Amino acid sequence: MNQAMIFGLSEPEFAELCLKFLLSGLIAWMVFIIWNLARESKAGKYGMLWMFMGLGLGMFGFIAKELIIKMLAQ
């Protein structure tokens, strides 16, 4: 059975590569949005800390999940 090739990569390789790069860009964009929201609301140091902890918890959990998967695979 032939696999579909995208830019010289098989579909699973292409999907994994896109997931890493595009999701990293999305996470960086979300960090910028949280920072901008905290700055515009004049939240201060502690307010910014809590905003990053509260709003950023989901993406930090996703990053931790990927690291745990890599560590368990070894």
PDB file of N, CA and C in Angstrom:
ATOM      1  N   MET A   1       0.838  -1.173   0.000  1.00  0.00           N
ATOM      2  CA  MET A   1       0.000   0.000   0.000  1.00  0.00           C
ATOM      3  C   MET A   1       0.883   1.235   0.000  1.00  0.00           C
ATOM      4  N   ASN A   2       0.663   2.138  -0.929  1.00  0.00           N
ATOM      5  CA  ASN A   2       1.452   3.364  -1.032  1.00  0.00           C
ATOM      6  C   ASN A   2       0.892   4.424  -0.104  1.00  0.00           C
ATOM      7  N   GLN A   3       1.833   5.110   0.581  1.00  0.00           N
ATOM      8  CA  GLN A   3       1.419   6.216   1.448  1.00  0.00           C
ATOM      9  C   GLN A   3       1.496   7.516   0.665  1.00  0.00           C
ATOM     10  N   ALA A   4       0.638   8.430   1.019  1.00  0.00           N
ATOM     11  CA  ALA A   4       0.655   9.742   0.369  1.00  0.00           C
ATOM     12  C   ALA A   4       1.917  10.485   0.797  1.00  0.00           C
ATOM     13  N   MET A   5       2.549  11.151  -0.170  1.00  0.00           N
ATOM     14  CA  MET A   5       3.759  11.912   0.115  1.00  0.00           C
ATOM     15  C   MET A   5       3.442  13.399   0.021  1.00  0.00           C
ATOM     16  N   ILE A   6       3.859  14.144   1.017  1.00  0.00           N
ATOM     17  CA  ILE A   6       3.663  15.592   1.054  1.00  0.00           C
ATOM     18  C   ILE A   6       5.035  16.213   1.258  1.00  0.00           C
ATOM     19  N   PHE A   7       5.500  16.973   0.280  1.00  0.00           N
ATOM     20  CA  PHE A   7       6.824  17.609   0.322  1.00  0.00           C
ATOM     21  C   PHE A   7       7.922  16.588   0.611  1.00  0.00           C
ATOM     22  N   GLY A   8       7.790  15.397   0.079  1.00  0.00           N
ATOM     23  CA  GLY A   8       8.799  14.357   0.255  1.00  0.00           C
ATOM     24  C   GLY A   8       8.713  13.614   1.575  1.00  0.00           C
ATOM     25  N   LEU A   9       7.685  13.893   2.363  1.00  0.00           N
ATOM     26  CA  LEU A   9       7.494  13.221   3.649  1.00  0.00           C
ATOM     27  C   LEU A   9       6.217  12.395   3.598  1.00  0.00           C
ATOM     28  N   SER A  10       6.193  11.305   4.356  1.00  0.00           N
ATOM     29  CA  SER A  10       4.949  10.553   4.457  1.00  0.00           C
ATOM     30  C   SER A  10       3.964  11.375   5.289  1.00  0.00           C
ATOM     31  N   GLU A  11       2.703  11.014   5.210  1.00  0.00           N
ATOM     32  CA  GLU A  11       1.675  11.782   5.921  1.00  0.00           C
ATOM     33  C   GLU A  11       1.903  11.818   7.430  1.00  0.00           C
ATOM     34  N   PRO A  12       2.249  10.706   8.094  1.00  0.00           N
ATOM     35  CA  PRO A  12       2.495  10.787   9.543  1.00  0.00           C
ATOM     36  C   PRO A  12       3.711  11.667   9.887  1.00  0.00           C
ATOM     37  N   GLU A  13       4.768  11.605   9.073  1.00  0.00           N
ATOM     38  CA  GLU A  13       5.938  12.457   9.319  1.00  0.00           C
ATOM     39  C   GLU A  13       5.578  13.931   9.147  1.00  0.00           C
ATOM     40  N   PHE A  14       4.811  14.248   8.114  1.00  0.00           N
ATOM     41  CA  PHE A  14       4.393  15.620   7.860  1.00  0.00           C
ATOM     42  C   PHE A  14       3.494  16.137   8.980  1.00  0.00           C
ATOM     43  N   ALA A  15       2.569  15.285   9.451  1.00  0.00           N
ATOM     44  CA  ALA A  15       1.668  15.687  10.529  1.00  0.00           C
ATOM     45  C   ALA A  15       2.443  15.959  11.818  1.00  0.00           C
ATOM     46  N   GLU A  16       3.421  15.121  12.131  1.00  0.00           N
ATOM     47  CA  GLU A  16       4.222  15.325  13.343  1.00  0.00           C
ATOM     48  C   GLU A  16       5.046  16.607  13.247  1.00  0.00           C
ATOM     49  N   LEU A  17       5.624  16.868  12.086  1.00  0.00           N
ATOM     50  CA  LEU A  17       6.414  18.079  11.881  1.00  0.00           C
ATOM     51  C   LEU A  17       5.543  19.329  12.001  1.00  0.00           C
ATOM     52  N   CYS A  18       4.379  19.300  11.384  1.00  0.00           N
ATOM     53  CA  CYS A  18       3.455  20.442  11.470  1.00  0.00           C
ATOM     54  C   CYS A  18       2.979  20.651  12.897  1.00  0.00           C
ATOM     55  N   LEU A  19       2.698  19.565  13.606  1.00  0.00           N
ATOM     56  CA  LEU A  19       2.244  19.684  14.981  1.00  0.00           C
ATOM     57  C   LEU A  19       3.290  20.387  15.829  1.00  0.00           C
ATOM     58  N   LYS A  20       4.546  20.005  15.662  1.00  0.00           N
ATOM     59  CA  LYS A  20       5.611  20.611  16.463  1.00  0.00           C
ATOM     60  C   LYS A  20       5.778  22.095  16.151  1.00  0.00           C
ATOM     61  N   PHE A  21       5.888  22.444  14.886  1.00  0.00           N
ATOM     62  CA  PHE A  21       6.189  23.825  14.526  1.00  0.00           C
ATOM     63  C   PHE A  21       4.977  24.742  14.632  1.00  0.00           C
ATOM     64  N   LEU A  22       3.850  24.327  14.110  1.00  0.00           N
ATOM     65  CA  LEU A  22       2.675  25.193  14.123  1.00  0.00           C
ATOM     66  C   LEU A  22       2.099  25.340  15.525  1.00  0.00           C
ATOM     67  N   LEU A  23       2.133  24.281  16.312  1.00  0.00           N
ATOM     68  CA  LEU A  23       1.645  24.384  17.677  1.00  0.00           C
ATOM     69  C   LEU A  23       2.585  25.227  18.532  1.00  0.00           C
ATOM     70  N   SER A  24       3.872  25.143  18.264  1.00  0.00           N
ATOM     71  CA  SER A  24       4.827  26.010  18.972  1.00  0.00           C
ATOM     72  C   SER A  24       4.544  27.476  18.659  1.00  0.00           C
ATOM     73  N   GLY A  25       4.236  27.780  17.411  1.00  0.00           N
ATOM     74  CA  GLY A  25       3.880  29.141  17.036  1.00  0.00           C
ATOM     75  C   GLY A  25       2.590  29.593  17.708  1.00  0.00           C
ATOM     76  N   LEU A  26       1.616  28.701  17.797  1.00  0.00           N
ATOM     77  CA  LEU A  26       0.358  29.022  18.454  1.00  0.00           C
ATOM     78  C   LEU A  26       0.574  29.294  19.944  1.00  0.00           C
ATOM     79  N   ILE A  27       1.412  28.508  20.591  1.00  0.00           N
ATOM     80  CA  ILE A  27       1.711  28.716  22.005  1.00  0.00           C
ATOM     81  C   ILE A  27       2.415  30.050  22.202  1.00  0.00           C
ATOM     82  N   ALA A  28       3.367  30.385  21.328  1.00  0.00           N
ATOM     83  CA  ALA A  28       4.046  31.681  21.423  1.00  0.00           C
ATOM     84  C   ALA A  28       3.049  32.822  21.239  1.00  0.00           C
ATOM     85  N   TRP A  29       2.096  32.675  20.331  1.00  0.00           N
ATOM     86  CA  TRP A  29       1.075  33.694  20.108  1.00  0.00           C
ATOM     87  C   TRP A  29       0.184  33.841  21.351  1.00  0.00           C
ATOM     88  N   MET A  30      -0.165  32.731  21.988  1.00  0.00           N
ATOM     89  CA  MET A  30      -0.991  32.800  23.196  1.00  0.00           C
ATOM     90  C   MET A  30      -0.240  33.467  24.348  1.00  0.00           C
ATOM     91  N   VAL A  31       1.068  33.215  24.463  1.00  0.00           N
ATOM     92  CA  VAL A  31       1.874  33.893  25.489  1.00  0.00           C
ATOM     93  C   VAL A  31       1.861  35.394  25.230  1.00  0.00           C
ATOM     94  N   PHE A  32       1.992  35.800  23.988  1.00  0.00           N
ATOM     95  CA  PHE A  32       1.936  37.230  23.650  1.00  0.00           C
ATOM     96  C   PHE A  32       0.578  37.818  24.002  1.00  0.00           C
ATOM     97  N   ILE A  33      -0.501  37.093  23.709  1.00  0.00           N
ATOM     98  CA  ILE A  33      -1.844  37.590  24.011  1.00  0.00           C
ATOM     99  C   ILE A  33      -2.021  37.762  25.515  1.00  0.00           C
ATOM    100  N   ILE A  34      -1.575  36.792  26.318  1.00  0.00           N
ATOM    101  CA  ILE A  34      -1.686  36.899  27.774  1.00  0.00           C
ATOM    102  C   ILE A  34      -0.872  38.082  28.270  1.00  0.00           C
ATOM    103  N   TRP A  35       0.355  38.232  27.762  1.00  0.00           N
ATOM    104  CA  TRP A  35       1.206  39.356  28.181  1.00  0.00           C
ATOM    105  C   TRP A  35       0.548  40.689  27.820  1.00  0.00           C
ATOM    106  N   ASN A  36       0.010  40.794  26.605  1.00  0.00           N
ATOM    107  CA  ASN A  36      -0.629  42.025  26.165  1.00  0.00           C
ATOM    108  C   ASN A  36      -1.879  42.324  27.002  1.00  0.00           C
ATOM    109  N   LEU A  37      -2.650  41.312  27.321  1.00  0.00           N
ATOM    110  CA  LEU A  37      -3.831  41.479  28.153  1.00  0.00           C
ATOM    111  C   LEU A  37      -3.453  41.971  29.542  1.00  0.00           C
ATOM    112  N   ALA A  38      -2.406  41.404  30.109  1.00  0.00           N
ATOM    113  CA  ALA A  38      -1.958  41.829  31.442  1.00  0.00           C
ATOM    114  C   ALA A  38      -1.415  43.252  31.408  1.00  0.00           C
ATOM    115  N   ARG A  39      -0.715  43.610  30.352  1.00  0.00           N
ATOM    116  CA  ARG A  39      -0.150  44.954  30.241  1.00  0.00           C
ATOM    117  C   ARG A  39      -1.245  45.989  30.077  1.00  0.00           C
ATOM    118  N   GLU A  40      -2.210  45.715  29.216  1.00  0.00           N
ATOM    119  CA  GLU A  40      -3.287  46.672  28.965  1.00  0.00           C
ATOM    120  C   GLU A  40      -4.216  46.836  30.162  1.00  0.00           C
ATOM    121  N   SER A  41      -4.352  45.782  30.973  1.00  0.00           N
ATOM    122  CA  SER A  41      -5.229  45.879  32.137  1.00  0.00           C
ATOM    123  C   SER A  41      -4.486  46.443  33.350  1.00  0.00           C
ATOM    124  N   LYS A  42      -3.184  46.743  33.180  1.00  0.00           N
ATOM    125  CA  LYS A  42      -2.356  47.282  34.261  1.00  0.00           C
ATOM    126  C   LYS A  42      -2.442  46.386  35.494  1.00  0.00           C
ATOM    127  N   ALA A  43      -2.226  45.110  35.287  1.00  0.00           N
ATOM    128  CA  ALA A  43      -2.389  44.119  36.339  1.00  0.00           C
ATOM    129  C   ALA A  43      -1.256  44.155  37.364  1.00  0.00           C
ATOM    130  N   GLY A  44      -0.103  44.691  37.032  1.00  0.00           N
ATOM    131  CA  GLY A  44       1.028  44.690  37.956  1.00  0.00           C
ATOM    132  C   GLY A  44       1.758  43.364  37.906  1.00  0.00           C
ATOM    133  N   LYS A  45       2.788  43.257  38.753  1.00  0.00           N
ATOM    134  CA  LYS A  45       3.618  42.048  38.745  1.00  0.00           C
ATOM    135  C   LYS A  45       2.837  40.814  39.165  1.00  0.00           C
ATOM    136  N   TYR A  46       2.120  40.920  40.284  1.00  0.00           N
ATOM    137  CA  TYR A  46       1.400  39.749  40.788  1.00  0.00           C
ATOM    138  C   TYR A  46       0.193  39.409  39.918  1.00  0.00           C
ATOM    139  N   GLY A  47      -0.463  40.418  39.403  1.00  0.00           N
ATOM    140  CA  GLY A  47      -1.580  40.173  38.502  1.00  0.00           C
ATOM    141  C   GLY A  47      -1.127  39.471  37.235  1.00  0.00           C
ATOM    142  N   MET A  48       0.023  39.903  36.706  1.00  0.00           N
ATOM    143  CA  MET A  48       0.551  39.261  35.503  1.00  0.00           C
ATOM    144  C   MET A  48       0.935  37.812  35.803  1.00  0.00           C
ATOM    145  N   LEU A  49       1.527  37.596  36.973  1.00  0.00           N
ATOM    146  CA  LEU A  49       1.892  36.237  37.372  1.00  0.00           C
ATOM    147  C   LEU A  49       0.649  35.340  37.416  1.00  0.00           C
ATOM    148  N   TRP A  50      -0.424  35.823  38.044  1.00  0.00           N
ATOM    149  CA  TRP A  50      -1.642  35.023  38.149  1.00  0.00           C
ATOM    150  C   TRP A  50      -2.313  34.827  36.801  1.00  0.00           C
ATOM    151  N   MET A  51      -2.225  35.833  35.948  1.00  0.00           N
ATOM    152  CA  MET A  51      -2.810  35.666  34.604  1.00  0.00           C
ATOM    153  C   MET A  51      -2.062  34.595  33.827  1.00  0.00           C
ATOM    154  N   PHE A  52      -0.728  34.617  33.913  1.00  0.00           N
ATOM    155  CA  PHE A  52       0.037  33.588  33.211  1.00  0.00           C
ATOM    156  C   PHE A  52      -0.217  32.212  33.813  1.00  0.00           C
ATOM    157  N   MET A  53      -0.334  32.155  35.135  1.00  0.00           N
ATOM    158  CA  MET A  53      -0.588  30.854  35.765  1.00  0.00           C
ATOM    159  C   MET A  53      -1.973  30.330  35.405  1.00  0.00           C
ATOM    160  N   GLY A  54      -2.978  31.188  35.456  1.00  0.00           N
ATOM    161  CA  GLY A  54      -4.339  30.750  35.186  1.00  0.00           C
ATOM    162  C   GLY A  54      -4.609  30.483  33.722  1.00  0.00           C
ATOM    163  N   LEU A  55      -4.249  31.434  32.877  1.00  0.00           N
ATOM    164  CA  LEU A  55      -4.547  31.292  31.454  1.00  0.00           C
ATOM    165  C   LEU A  55      -3.547  30.395  30.729  1.00  0.00           C
ATOM    166  N   GLY A  56      -2.334  30.321  31.242  1.00  0.00           N
ATOM    167  CA  GLY A  56      -1.314  29.529  30.580  1.00  0.00           C
ATOM    168  C   GLY A  56      -1.220  28.101  31.059  1.00  0.00           C
ATOM    169  N   LEU A  57      -2.022  27.727  32.048  1.00  0.00           N
ATOM    170  CA  LEU A  57      -1.930  26.386  32.610  1.00  0.00           C
ATOM    171  C   LEU A  57      -2.205  25.294  31.580  1.00  0.00           C
ATOM    172  N   GLY A  58      -3.158  25.517  30.710  1.00  0.00           N
ATOM    173  CA  GLY A  58      -3.489  24.506  29.705  1.00  0.00           C
ATOM    174  C   GLY A  58      -2.352  24.244  28.739  1.00  0.00           C
ATOM    175  N   MET A  59      -1.719  25.327  28.249  1.00  0.00           N
ATOM    176  CA  MET A  59      -0.624  25.096  27.291  1.00  0.00           C
ATOM    177  C   MET A  59       0.617  24.535  27.985  1.00  0.00           C
ATOM    178  N   PHE A  60       0.832  24.907  29.235  1.00  0.00           N
ATOM    179  CA  PHE A  60       1.957  24.315  29.957  1.00  0.00           C
ATOM    180  C   PHE A  60       1.697  22.835  30.228  1.00  0.00           C
ATOM    181  N   GLY A  61       0.446  22.471  30.450  1.00  0.00           N
ATOM    182  CA  GLY A  61       0.089  21.067  30.605  1.00  0.00           C
ATOM    183  C   GLY A  61       0.337  20.278  29.323  1.00  0.00           C
ATOM    184  N   PHE A  62       0.035  20.894  28.179  1.00  0.00           N
ATOM    185  CA  PHE A  62       0.280  20.225  26.900  1.00  0.00           C
ATOM    186  C   PHE A  62       1.782  20.003  26.688  1.00  0.00           C
ATOM    187  N   ILE A  63       2.588  21.012  27.019  1.00  0.00           N
ATOM    188  CA  ILE A  63       4.040  20.890  26.890  1.00  0.00           C
ATOM    189  C   ILE A  63       4.559  19.802  27.823  1.00  0.00           C
ATOM    190  N   ALA A  64       4.066  19.785  29.066  1.00  0.00           N
ATOM    191  CA  ALA A  64       4.492  18.765  30.027  1.00  0.00           C
ATOM    192  C   ALA A  64       4.121  17.367  29.536  1.00  0.00           C
ATOM    193  N   LYS A  65       2.935  17.233  28.940  1.00  0.00           N
ATOM    194  CA  LYS A  65       2.504  15.931  28.420  1.00  0.00           C
ATOM    195  C   LYS A  65       3.466  15.430  27.351  1.00  0.00           C
ATOM    196  N   GLU A  66       3.867  16.328  26.453  1.00  0.00           N
ATOM    197  CA  GLU A  66       4.804  15.925  25.404  1.00  0.00           C
ATOM    198  C   GLU A  66       6.153  15.523  25.983  1.00  0.00           C
ATOM    199  N   LEU A  67       6.617  16.247  26.993  1.00  0.00           N
ATOM    200  CA  LEU A  67       7.897  15.892  27.626  1.00  0.00           C
ATOM    201  C   LEU A  67       7.808  14.558  28.345  1.00  0.00           C
ATOM    202  N   ILE A  68       6.696  14.298  29.015  1.00  0.00           N
ATOM    203  CA  ILE A  68       6.517  13.015  29.704  1.00  0.00           C
ATOM    204  C   ILE A  68       6.472  11.878  28.697  1.00  0.00           C
ATOM    205  N   ILE A  69       5.811  12.061  27.576  1.00  0.00           N
ATOM    206  CA  ILE A  69       5.760  11.028  26.535  1.00  0.00           C
ATOM    207  C   ILE A  69       7.168  10.727  26.029  1.00  0.00           C
ATOM    208  N   LYS A  70       7.964  11.788  25.788  1.00  0.00           N
ATOM    209  CA  LYS A  70       9.336  11.580  25.306  1.00  0.00           C
ATOM    210  C   LYS A  70      10.171  10.844  26.347  1.00  0.00           C
ATOM    211  N   MET A  71      10.002  11.183  27.638  1.00  0.00           N
ATOM    212  CA  MET A  71      10.804  10.553  28.687  1.00  0.00           C
ATOM    213  C   MET A  71      10.414   9.078  28.858  1.00  0.00           C
ATOM    214  N   LEU A  72       9.128   8.755  28.760  1.00  0.00           N
ATOM    215  CA  LEU A  72       8.688   7.376  28.919  1.00  0.00           C
ATOM    216  C   LEU A  72       9.035   6.503  27.716  1.00  0.00           C
ATOM    217  N   ALA A  73       9.223   7.108  26.561  1.00  0.00           N
ATOM    218  CA  ALA A  73       9.541   6.355  25.350  1.00  0.00           C
ATOM    219  C   ALA A  73      10.985   5.859  25.355  1.00  0.00           C
ATOM    220  N   GLN A  74      11.828   6.452  26.180  1.00  0.00           N
ATOM    221  CA  GLN A  74      13.247   6.062  26.194  1.00  0.00           C
ATOM    222  C   GLN A  74      13.487   4.842  27.004  1.00  0.00           C
TER     223      GLN A  74
END
